[in-house]
C-alpha cells in the first residue's frame, strides 16, 4: 500500500482519488506522529511525504523511518512547494520529489517509477 503523510486534507483527497483510480491502495496520515503509528502497524510499499508538516520536524521523521526500516528501506517521494535542499535528498531515503502543485499524470508517473524500482521481495 501507499502511505500519504500530508497535513492538507484537500491534497490527501486528490492523491487518494488519483492513485485509487489506478487500482492502488492508499492510506492517509494527517501528520508525522500519525504516519509513524501507521508504519508501525503495517509496512507500506511507498511513502508520499509532505516536507512541510507542521507537527514534526522532517529530519526527525526521516531518522524514525531509517530506524524502523533499517536494512529494508521504503522508497519515499517528497512533496514540497519548492525543490528540497540537496542535503535533505542526500541523507533521506527519497527516490524523488514532487513540487506542489503537481499534475495527476506527474504523480502517477513518479509513483509507478518508485514502485517499479523496488527490489523484488519487498
Protein backbone atom coordinates (compact mmCIF):
# COMPACT_ATOMS: atom_id res chain seq x y z
CA UNK A 1 0.00 0.00 0.00
CA UNK A 2 0.96 3.66 -0.40
CA UNK A 3 1.06 5.84 2.69
CA UNK A 4 0.46 9.56 2.22
CA UNK A 5 1.68 11.74 5.09
CA UNK A 6 0.18 15.11 4.28
CA UNK A 7 -1.28 17.84 6.50
CA UNK A 8 -3.69 19.28 3.93
CA UNK A 9 -6.89 17.24 3.63
CA UNK A 10 -7.53 18.51 0.09
CA UNK A 11 -4.14 17.28 -1.08
CA UNK A 12 -4.71 13.91 0.59
CA UNK A 13 -8.08 13.62 -1.15
CA UNK A 14 -6.61 14.42 -4.60
CA UNK A 15 -3.74 11.97 -4.13
CA UNK A 16 -6.06 9.20 -2.92
CA UNK A 17 -8.54 9.70 -5.76
CA UNK A 18 -5.83 9.61 -8.44
CA UNK A 19 -3.99 6.60 -7.05
CA UNK A 20 -7.09 4.57 -6.25
CA UNK A 21 -8.32 5.20 -9.81
CA UNK A 22 -5.19 3.26 -10.87
CA UNK A 23 -6.07 0.35 -8.58
CA UNK A 24 -3.58 1.25 -5.86
CA UNK A 25 -4.36 1.03 -2.14
CA UNK A 26 -3.83 4.30 -0.27
CA UNK A 27 -3.78 5.08 3.45
CA UNK A 28 -3.64 8.62 4.78
CA UNK A 29 -1.83 10.10 7.77
CA UNK A 30 -2.59 13.66 8.85
CA UNK A 31 0.90 14.29 10.25
CA UNK A 32 4.23 12.84 11.29
CA UNK A 33 3.21 11.07 14.52
CA UNK A 34 0.13 9.59 12.84
CA UNK A 35 2.29 8.39 9.94
CA UNK A 36 4.75 6.71 12.31
CA UNK A 37 1.88 4.98 14.09
CA UNK A 38 0.56 3.65 10.77
CA UNK A 39 4.02 2.49 9.68
CA UNK A 40 4.34 0.62 12.98
CA UNK A 41 1.12 -1.24 12.21
CA UNK A 42 1.90 -2.16 8.61
CA UNK A 43 4.89 -1.60 6.31
CA UNK A 44 3.98 0.49 3.24
CA UNK A 45 5.37 -0.12 -0.25
CA UNK A 46 5.86 3.62 -0.79
CA UNK A 47 5.53 6.81 1.27
CA UNK A 48 4.44 10.17 -0.13
CA UNK A 49 5.77 12.67 2.42
CA UNK A 50 4.89 16.35 2.75
CA UNK A 51 8.12 18.09 3.80
CA UNK A 52 6.20 20.98 5.35
CA UNK A 53 4.39 19.13 8.12
CA UNK A 54 3.53 21.47 11.00
CA UNK A 55 3.61 18.80 13.71
CA UNK A 56 7.03 17.18 13.25
CA UNK A 57 10.47 18.13 12.01
CA UNK A 58 11.22 16.36 8.73
CA UNK A 59 14.70 15.33 9.97
CA UNK A 60 13.13 13.59 12.99
CA UNK A 61 10.70 11.81 10.71
CA UNK A 62 13.45 10.67 8.33
CA UNK A 63 15.52 9.38 11.27
CA UNK A 64 12.50 7.45 12.51
CA UNK A 65 11.95 5.95 9.03
CA UNK A 66 15.59 4.88 8.87
CA UNK A 67 15.37 3.23 12.29
CA UNK A 68 12.10 1.44 11.52
CA UNK A 69 13.14 0.27 8.06
CA UNK A 70 16.80 -0.46 8.81
CA UNK A 71 18.13 -2.83 6.18
CA UNK A 72 14.92 -2.72 4.13
CA UNK A 73 14.22 0.93 3.29
CA UNK A 74 10.86 2.01 1.93
CA UNK A 75 11.00 4.45 -1.00
CA UNK A 76 9.84 7.97 -0.19
CA UNK A 77 8.65 10.65 -2.59
CA UNK A 78 8.99 14.10 -1.02
CA UNK A 79 6.23 16.61 -1.70
CA UNK A 80 7.05 20.28 -1.25
CA UNK A 81 6.30 23.77 -2.52
CA UNK A 82 9.91 24.35 -3.60
CA UNK A 83 12.66 21.93 -4.61
CA UNK A 84 14.06 20.37 -1.43
CA UNK A 85 17.51 21.07 -0.09
CA UNK A 86 20.14 18.81 -1.71
CA UNK A 87 21.39 17.80 1.74
CA UNK A 88 17.92 16.54 2.60
CA UNK A 89 17.72 14.48 -0.57
CA UNK A 90 21.20 13.05 0.01
CA UNK A 91 20.57 11.99 3.60
CA UNK A 92 16.97 10.90 3.24
CA UNK A 93 15.70 7.82 1.51
CA UNK A 94 13.92 9.82 -1.15
CA UNK A 95 13.61 8.42 -4.62
CA UNK A 96 12.29 11.69 -6.00
CA UNK A 97 10.23 14.74 -5.18
CA UNK A 98 7.03 16.31 -6.40
CA UNK A 99 6.84 20.08 -6.45
CA UNK A 100 3.40 21.35 -5.41
CA UNK A 101 1.11 21.90 -7.12
CA UNK A 102 1.64 18.90 -9.35
CA UNK A 103 -0.47 17.42 -12.12
CA UNK A 104 -2.06 13.98 -11.75
CA UNK A 105 -0.02 12.43 -14.61
CA UNK A 106 3.22 13.52 -12.89
CA UNK A 107 2.06 11.98 -9.60
CA UNK A 108 1.11 8.73 -11.30
CA UNK A 109 4.37 8.52 -13.23
CA UNK A 110 6.52 9.14 -10.14
CA UNK A 111 4.57 6.62 -8.05
CA UNK A 112 4.77 3.95 -10.76
CA UNK A 113 8.51 4.51 -11.25
CA UNK A 114 9.13 4.24 -7.48
CA UNK A 115 7.06 1.05 -7.21
CA UNK A 116 8.73 -0.49 -10.27
CA UNK A 117 12.22 0.27 -8.87
CA UNK A 118 11.65 -1.58 -5.59
CA UNK A 119 13.83 -4.63 -5.09
CA UNK A 120 11.98 -7.90 -5.57
CA UNK A 121 10.80 -9.41 -2.33
CA UNK A 122 9.79 -6.04 -0.81
